N, C-alpha and C. Protein backbone atom coordinates (compact mmCIF):
# COMPACT_ATOMS: atom_id res chain seq x y z
N MET A 1 93.25 13.18 116.72
CA MET A 1 94.48 13.98 117.62
C MET A 1 95.16 14.73 116.80
N GLN A 2 95.61 16.05 117.49
CA GLN A 2 96.27 17.17 116.40
C GLN A 2 97.85 17.13 117.18
N VAL A 3 98.53 16.98 116.03
CA VAL A 3 99.80 16.91 115.99
C VAL A 3 100.93 18.24 115.76
N LEU A 4 101.57 18.57 116.23
CA LEU A 4 102.22 20.13 115.94
C LEU A 4 104.11 19.91 116.02
N TYR A 5 104.49 20.27 114.98
CA TYR A 5 106.00 20.14 115.11
C TYR A 5 106.70 21.34 115.03
N LYS A 6 107.23 21.84 116.04
CA LYS A 6 107.80 23.44 116.19
C LYS A 6 108.95 23.82 115.21
N ARG A 7 109.61 24.75 114.92
CA ARG A 7 110.23 25.17 114.38
C ARG A 7 111.91 24.32 114.66
N PRO A 8 112.34 24.22 115.83
CA PRO A 8 113.89 23.55 116.04
C PRO A 8 113.46 21.73 115.45
N PHE A 9 112.40 21.21 115.53
CA PHE A 9 112.04 20.01 115.40
C PHE A 9 112.47 19.99 113.71
N LEU A 10 111.41 20.56 113.10
CA LEU A 10 111.29 20.83 111.60
C LEU A 10 112.43 20.96 111.00
N GLN A 11 113.74 21.71 111.76
CA GLN A 11 114.64 22.26 110.74
C GLN A 11 115.78 21.27 110.94
N PHE A 12 115.70 20.48 112.27
CA PHE A 12 116.32 19.33 112.39
C PHE A 12 116.01 18.29 111.42
N VAL A 13 114.82 17.75 110.93
CA VAL A 13 114.64 16.71 110.04
C VAL A 13 114.92 17.23 108.78
N LYS A 14 114.85 18.42 108.63
CA LYS A 14 114.92 19.15 107.07
C LYS A 14 116.51 18.92 106.54
N LYS A 15 117.36 18.75 107.79
CA LYS A 15 118.64 18.96 107.22
C LYS A 15 119.37 17.44 107.33
N ALA A 16 118.34 16.30 108.03
CA ALA A 16 118.83 14.93 108.15
C ALA A 16 118.70 14.70 106.87
N LYS A 17 119.89 13.39 106.69
CA LYS A 17 119.43 12.78 105.56
C LYS A 17 118.39 11.57 105.82
N SER A 18 118.08 11.12 104.68
CA SER A 18 116.63 10.16 104.61
C SER A 18 117.01 9.24 105.41
N PRO A 19 117.79 8.15 105.57
CA PRO A 19 117.69 7.06 106.44
C PRO A 19 117.38 7.59 107.95
N LEU A 20 118.19 8.64 108.33
CA LEU A 20 117.83 9.13 110.09
C LEU A 20 116.34 9.81 109.80
N GLN A 21 115.79 10.31 108.50
CA GLN A 21 114.35 10.87 108.66
C GLN A 21 113.53 9.82 108.83
N LEU A 22 113.62 8.32 108.22
CA LEU A 22 112.79 7.59 108.36
C LEU A 22 112.92 6.89 109.79
N ALA A 23 114.08 6.99 110.57
CA ALA A 23 113.90 6.38 111.75
C ALA A 23 113.30 7.77 112.66
N ILE A 24 113.26 8.78 112.52
CA ILE A 24 112.79 9.85 113.34
C ILE A 24 111.27 9.57 113.07
N GLU A 25 110.67 9.44 112.02
CA GLU A 25 109.31 9.00 111.75
C GLU A 25 108.92 8.07 112.76
N ASP A 26 109.40 7.00 112.34
CA ASP A 26 109.55 5.85 113.46
C ASP A 26 109.34 5.91 114.98
N ALA A 27 110.19 7.01 115.18
CA ALA A 27 110.16 7.48 116.63
C ALA A 27 109.10 8.06 117.14
N VAL A 28 108.36 9.33 116.23
CA VAL A 28 107.25 9.80 116.46
C VAL A 28 106.29 9.14 116.60
N VAL A 29 105.96 8.04 115.75
CA VAL A 29 105.03 7.63 115.66
C VAL A 29 104.88 6.66 116.99
N GLU A 30 105.82 5.96 117.30
CA GLU A 30 106.01 5.17 118.74
C GLU A 30 105.68 6.24 120.00
N ALA A 31 106.33 7.55 119.85
CA ALA A 31 105.85 8.42 121.08
C ALA A 31 104.37 8.89 121.08
N SER A 32 103.74 9.03 119.51
CA SER A 32 102.30 9.25 119.74
C SER A 32 101.65 8.30 120.10
N LYS A 33 102.01 7.00 119.84
CA LYS A 33 101.03 6.10 120.02
C LYS A 33 100.93 5.82 121.74
N SER A 34 102.13 6.23 122.44
CA SER A 34 102.07 5.76 123.86
C SER A 34 103.39 6.88 124.21
N PRO A 35 102.65 8.30 124.64
CA PRO A 35 103.61 9.01 124.92
C PRO A 35 104.00 8.97 126.41
N GLU A 36 103.44 8.27 127.25
CA GLU A 36 104.04 7.78 128.23
C GLU A 36 105.35 7.12 128.64
N LEU A 37 105.84 6.31 127.46
CA LEU A 37 107.25 6.15 127.13
C LEU A 37 107.94 7.01 127.65
N GLY A 38 108.05 8.27 127.19
CA GLY A 38 109.01 9.03 127.45
C GLY A 38 109.09 9.41 128.87
N GLU A 39 110.36 9.81 128.75
CA GLU A 39 110.75 10.24 130.56
C GLU A 39 110.15 11.57 130.70
N GLN A 40 109.63 11.96 131.99
CA GLN A 40 109.27 13.40 132.04
C GLN A 40 110.24 13.83 132.86
N LYS A 41 110.80 15.14 132.47
CA LYS A 41 111.84 15.79 132.97
C LYS A 41 111.32 16.80 134.36
N LYS A 42 112.20 17.17 134.92
CA LYS A 42 112.08 17.97 136.18
C LYS A 42 112.21 19.17 136.17
N GLY A 43 112.05 19.91 136.87
CA GLY A 43 112.25 21.53 137.32
C GLY A 43 111.79 22.37 136.06
N ASP A 44 112.63 23.12 135.52
CA ASP A 44 112.02 24.11 134.63
C ASP A 44 111.24 23.21 133.53
N LEU A 45 112.04 22.02 133.29
CA LEU A 45 111.21 21.39 132.28
C LEU A 45 109.94 20.18 132.45
N ARG A 46 109.53 20.41 133.70
CA ARG A 46 108.54 19.66 134.07
C ARG A 46 107.48 19.33 133.56
N ASP A 47 106.88 20.05 132.26
CA ASP A 47 105.81 19.34 131.51
C ASP A 47 106.59 18.92 130.10
N ILE A 48 107.71 18.79 129.97
CA ILE A 48 108.41 18.09 128.84
C ILE A 48 108.55 16.72 129.31
N PHE A 49 108.56 16.08 127.93
CA PHE A 49 108.96 14.49 127.94
C PHE A 49 109.80 14.36 127.11
N VAL A 50 110.88 13.48 127.31
CA VAL A 50 111.82 13.22 126.19
C VAL A 50 111.94 11.59 125.82
N TYR A 51 111.59 11.48 124.62
CA TYR A 51 111.53 9.95 123.84
C TYR A 51 113.32 9.86 123.57
N LYS A 52 114.15 8.60 123.87
CA LYS A 52 114.93 8.57 123.24
C LYS A 52 115.49 6.98 122.75
N PHE A 53 115.90 7.65 121.26
CA PHE A 53 115.89 5.93 120.74
C PHE A 53 117.67 6.15 119.67
N ARG A 54 117.92 5.06 119.03
CA ARG A 54 119.30 5.07 118.64
C ARG A 54 119.19 4.60 117.06
N PHE A 55 120.12 5.40 116.43
CA PHE A 55 120.36 5.31 115.00
C PHE A 55 121.77 5.29 114.50
N ASN A 56 122.12 4.42 113.94
CA ASN A 56 123.77 4.52 113.78
C ASN A 56 124.74 4.73 114.79
N LYS A 57 124.33 4.10 115.94
CA LYS A 57 125.07 3.77 117.63
C LYS A 57 125.48 5.24 118.05
N GLN A 58 124.19 6.17 117.58
CA GLN A 58 123.94 7.43 118.08
C GLN A 58 122.82 7.46 118.76
N GLU A 59 122.72 8.20 120.17
CA GLU A 59 121.27 8.37 120.63
C GLU A 59 120.82 9.65 120.29
N TYR A 60 119.68 9.67 120.16
CA TYR A 60 119.10 10.85 119.83
C TYR A 60 117.78 11.24 120.76
N LEU A 61 117.52 12.21 121.20
CA LEU A 61 116.31 12.88 121.89
C LEU A 61 115.51 13.44 121.25
N ILE A 62 113.86 13.18 121.80
CA ILE A 62 112.60 13.79 121.09
C ILE A 62 112.08 14.74 122.07
N ALA A 63 112.24 15.64 122.44
CA ALA A 63 111.25 16.92 123.54
C ALA A 63 109.85 16.93 122.85
N TYR A 64 108.66 16.45 123.71
CA TYR A 64 107.41 16.79 123.50
C TYR A 64 106.83 17.15 124.65
N ARG A 65 105.67 17.50 124.48
CA ARG A 65 104.52 17.57 125.38
C ARG A 65 103.24 17.22 125.19
N TYR A 66 102.59 16.87 125.77
CA TYR A 66 100.94 16.21 125.24
C TYR A 66 99.99 16.48 126.34
N GLY A 67 98.60 16.41 125.73
CA GLY A 67 97.76 16.74 126.46
C GLY A 67 96.55 15.57 126.29
N LEU A 68 95.96 14.74 127.44
CA LEU A 68 94.90 13.91 127.52
C LEU A 68 93.50 14.47 127.81
N SER A 69 92.49 13.79 127.18
CA SER A 69 91.00 14.23 127.29
C SER A 69 90.75 14.04 129.01
N ASP A 70 89.98 14.48 129.74
CA ASP A 70 90.36 14.40 131.09
C ASP A 70 88.97 12.98 131.23
N LYS A 71 87.82 12.69 130.64
CA LYS A 71 87.25 11.93 130.90
C LYS A 71 87.66 10.46 130.33
N LEU A 72 87.84 10.48 129.05
CA LEU A 72 88.47 9.20 128.07
C LEU A 72 90.04 8.84 128.18
N LEU A 73 90.89 9.83 128.90
CA LEU A 73 92.24 9.68 128.86
C LEU A 73 92.81 9.47 127.60
N GLU A 74 92.46 10.33 126.77
CA GLU A 74 92.60 9.88 125.19
C GLU A 74 93.30 10.95 125.03
N LEU A 75 94.76 10.61 123.92
CA LEU A 75 95.42 11.76 123.51
C LEU A 75 94.83 12.37 122.72
N ILE A 76 94.62 13.90 122.88
CA ILE A 76 94.17 14.68 121.84
C ILE A 76 95.00 15.87 121.24
N TRP A 77 96.29 16.16 122.13
CA TRP A 77 97.24 16.88 121.35
C TRP A 77 98.67 16.33 121.44
N ILE A 78 99.37 16.77 120.69
CA ILE A 78 101.21 16.39 121.09
C ILE A 78 101.89 17.44 120.35
N ASP A 79 102.89 18.25 120.86
CA ASP A 79 103.84 19.02 120.13
C ASP A 79 105.14 18.36 120.41
N PHE A 80 105.92 18.27 119.32
CA PHE A 80 107.31 18.01 119.25
C PHE A 80 107.90 19.18 119.53
N TYR A 81 109.04 19.43 120.16
CA TYR A 81 109.73 20.60 119.94
C TYR A 81 110.77 20.37 119.67
N LYS A 82 111.49 19.25 119.88
CA LYS A 82 113.10 19.51 119.55
C LYS A 82 113.40 17.98 119.54
N ILE A 83 114.50 18.04 118.49
CA ILE A 83 115.43 16.60 118.26
C ILE A 83 116.52 16.64 118.24
N GLY A 84 117.31 15.88 118.76
CA GLY A 84 118.88 16.25 118.58
C GLY A 84 119.62 15.14 119.21
N THR A 85 120.83 15.25 119.35
CA THR A 85 121.95 14.66 120.24
C THR A 85 121.81 15.38 121.70
N HIS A 86 122.55 14.57 122.48
CA HIS A 86 122.45 14.91 123.92
C HIS A 86 123.27 16.39 124.01
N GLU A 87 124.05 16.70 123.29
CA GLU A 87 125.29 17.81 123.54
C GLU A 87 124.21 18.88 123.15
N ASN A 88 124.29 19.73 124.27
CA ASN A 88 123.71 21.03 124.59
C ASN A 88 122.08 20.93 124.24
N PHE A 89 121.47 19.70 124.44
CA PHE A 89 120.03 19.81 123.84
C PHE A 89 119.10 20.49 124.69
N TYR A 90 119.48 20.22 126.17
CA TYR A 90 118.86 20.70 127.20
C TYR A 90 118.51 22.40 127.32
N ALA A 91 119.77 22.81 127.07
CA ALA A 91 120.04 24.30 127.13
C ALA A 91 119.07 24.91 125.99
N GLU A 92 119.33 24.05 124.84
CA GLU A 92 118.91 24.97 123.23
C GLU A 92 117.50 24.55 123.77
N LEU A 93 116.88 23.31 123.92
CA LEU A 93 115.25 23.53 124.47
C LEU A 93 114.86 24.86 125.49
N LYS A 94 115.25 24.69 126.57
CA LYS A 94 115.30 25.84 127.15
C LYS A 94 115.20 27.20 126.58
N ARG A 95 115.85 27.54 125.88
CA ARG A 95 116.14 28.70 125.30
C ARG A 95 114.66 28.74 124.36
N PHE A 96 114.55 27.70 123.63
CA PHE A 96 113.52 28.18 122.83
C PHE A 96 112.33 28.19 123.56
N LEU A 97 112.05 27.34 124.51
CA LEU A 97 110.76 27.64 125.19
C LEU A 97 110.90 28.91 126.15
N ARG A 98 111.65 29.50 126.00
CA ARG A 98 111.55 30.58 126.77
C ARG A 98 111.52 31.85 125.67
N GLU A 99 111.94 31.73 124.80
CA GLU A 99 111.71 32.85 123.48
C GLU A 99 109.68 32.34 123.02
N GLU A 100 109.78 31.32 123.12
CA GLU A 100 108.00 31.07 122.84
C GLU A 100 107.22 31.42 123.89
N GLY A 101 107.79 31.88 125.08
CA GLY A 101 106.91 31.95 126.38
C GLY A 101 106.48 30.76 126.99
N ASN A 102 107.04 29.74 127.07
CA ASN A 102 106.52 28.45 127.42
C ASN A 102 107.36 27.82 128.78
N LEU A 103 108.27 28.75 129.09
CA LEU A 103 109.26 28.49 130.16
C LEU A 103 109.41 29.88 131.01
N ALA A 104 109.01 29.88 132.18
CA ALA A 104 109.15 31.05 133.12
C ALA A 104 110.81 31.06 133.68
N ARG A 105 111.13 32.33 133.34
CA ARG A 105 112.34 32.39 133.85
C ARG A 105 112.39 32.51 135.39
N LYS A 106 113.89 32.41 135.95
CA LYS A 106 113.68 32.17 137.34
C LYS A 106 113.42 33.75 137.94
N GLY A 107 112.81 34.15 139.41
CA GLY A 107 112.39 35.12 139.79
C GLY A 107 111.28 35.73 139.03
N GLU A 108 110.51 35.16 138.08
CA GLU A 108 109.04 35.47 137.71
C GLU A 108 108.03 34.99 138.17
N ARG A 109 108.04 34.06 139.14
CA ARG A 109 107.21 32.91 139.39
C ARG A 109 106.80 33.83 140.97
């Protein structure tokens, strides 16, 4: 399985303190084992899943996208896009996806 961490995800982890980094690592392992645990978003973010976990009474969200093999339904890749608290999470995620070219702007369809 190929795992890719996008820039916003890596920047957050780098700035986080060690206990939170360990909690993030556990959440990433959990999401990688069972990617369907995350909630699939709708609308502009319909390809994105969000896995939620708590650390020190604070809820964190991890945005990711994954792909399965057609025949075996085996996880072949997972991309982790962003992690953070709920505040401005979805707006920042949409901005990053637009910059990266993975989200169509309204009226371009």
